[in-house]
Amino acid sequence: MEKFALRIASKRQVTIPLRLLEILHIDEGDVLELTAKDGVVISGRGLKLVPASLFTEEMLEDLRKREKSLDSGDGIDVNNMDQLATKLLSP
């Protein structure tokens, strides 16, 4: 586990240390999603945005179903990125 101290600059701007970007696998233009509860950040993750035009309507519907499933508390058990890709792409 690593700790990072981020300073809030003018206009609420934050510079994210390179090491944190590497850990989260994000770059300029990506999204950093943080979840806070009772004044404490309890989780964070990097998100890569992909244009919806790259997906078929069937793929988008499948993603909507998976998102609804995750929102209801269901999860996916995987040990690595290959397993994750396999599970996400399987029907």
Protein backbone atom coordinates (compact mmCIF):
# COMPACT_ATOMS: atom_id res chain seq x y z
CA MET A 1 0.00 0.00 0.00
CA GLU A 2 1.28 3.47 -0.86
CA LYS A 3 0.09 6.85 0.44
CA PHE A 4 -0.11 10.04 -1.60
CA ALA A 5 -0.63 13.61 -0.42
CA LEU A 6 -2.32 15.81 -3.02
CA ARG A 7 -2.49 19.58 -2.68
CA ILE A 8 -5.58 21.42 -3.89
CA ALA A 9 -4.45 24.39 -6.01
CA SER A 10 -6.43 27.35 -7.31
CA LYS A 11 -9.62 26.49 -9.15
CA ARG A 12 -9.67 23.14 -7.27
CA GLN A 13 -6.91 21.72 -9.47
CA VAL A 14 -4.90 18.71 -8.29
CA THR A 15 -1.63 17.35 -9.66
CA ILE A 16 -1.58 13.58 -9.46
CA PRO A 17 1.87 12.06 -8.88
CA LEU A 18 3.24 9.95 -11.73
CA ARG A 19 3.51 6.88 -9.47
CA LEU A 20 -0.21 7.06 -8.68
CA LEU A 21 -1.04 7.36 -12.39
CA GLU A 22 1.07 4.25 -13.01
CA ILE A 23 -0.63 2.30 -10.22
CA LEU A 24 -4.09 3.23 -11.56
CA HIS A 25 -3.07 2.73 -15.22
CA ILE A 26 -4.46 6.11 -16.24
CA ASP A 27 -3.20 8.95 -18.41
CA GLU A 28 -4.24 12.45 -19.39
CA GLY A 29 -7.89 12.43 -20.48
CA ASP A 30 -8.83 9.38 -18.40
CA VAL A 31 -11.12 9.58 -15.36
CA LEU A 32 -10.26 9.10 -11.70
CA GLU A 33 -13.33 7.86 -9.83
CA LEU A 34 -13.32 8.30 -6.03
CA THR A 35 -15.88 7.03 -3.53
CA ALA A 36 -16.18 8.89 -0.23
CA LYS A 37 -18.11 8.09 2.92
CA ASP A 38 -18.27 10.10 6.13
CA GLY A 39 -15.53 12.48 4.97
CA VAL A 40 -13.08 9.72 3.99
CA VAL A 41 -12.12 8.46 0.53
CA ILE A 42 -12.80 4.73 0.79
CA SER A 43 -11.93 3.70 -2.75
CA GLY A 44 -10.61 5.02 -6.01
CA ARG A 45 -9.99 3.68 -9.46
CA GLY A 46 -8.91 4.83 -12.87
CA LEU A 47 -11.37 4.63 -15.73
CA LYS A 48 -10.60 4.58 -19.43
CA LEU A 49 -13.37 6.14 -21.48
CA VAL A 50 -14.20 4.42 -24.75
CA PRO A 51 -16.50 6.01 -27.34
CA ALA A 52 -19.84 4.21 -27.45
CA SER A 53 -19.63 4.27 -31.25
CA LEU A 54 -17.06 1.45 -31.02
CA PHE A 55 -19.70 -0.91 -29.60
CA THR A 56 -22.63 -2.63 -31.26
CA GLU A 57 -26.07 -2.16 -29.72
CA GLU A 58 -25.90 -5.77 -28.48
CA MET A 59 -22.60 -5.07 -26.72
CA LEU A 60 -24.00 -1.92 -25.11
CA GLU A 61 -27.05 -3.80 -23.85
CA ASP A 62 -24.78 -6.49 -22.36
CA LEU A 63 -22.73 -3.77 -20.62
CA ARG A 64 -25.92 -2.23 -19.22
CA LYS A 65 -26.97 -5.62 -17.82
CA ARG A 66 -23.55 -6.17 -16.26
CA GLU A 67 -23.56 -2.68 -14.74
CA LYS A 68 -27.00 -3.31 -13.23
CA SER A 69 -25.74 -6.62 -11.83
CA LEU A 70 -22.70 -4.95 -10.26
CA ASP A 71 -24.83 -2.13 -8.85
CA SER A 72 -26.95 -4.76 -7.10
CA GLY A 73 -23.85 -6.18 -5.39
CA ASP A 74 -22.93 -9.02 -7.72
CA GLY A 75 -19.24 -9.27 -8.55
CA ILE A 76 -16.76 -11.19 -10.64
CA ASP A 77 -13.97 -13.27 -9.05
CA VAL A 78 -10.76 -13.17 -11.09
CA ASN A 79 -7.05 -13.49 -10.39
CA ASN A 80 -5.64 -11.55 -13.35
CA MET A 81 -6.51 -9.37 -16.33
CA ASP A 82 -6.79 -12.36 -18.72
CA GLN A 83 -9.45 -13.98 -16.54
CA LEU A 84 -11.28 -10.67 -16.29
CA ALA A 85 -11.29 -10.21 -20.07
CA THR A 86 -12.50 -13.78 -20.56
CA LYS A 87 -15.35 -13.38 -18.08
CA LEU A 88 -16.40 -9.98 -19.41
CA LEU A 89 -16.44 -11.14 -23.01
CA SER A 90 -18.17 -14.46 -22.42
CA PRO A 91 -21.98 -14.61 -22.75
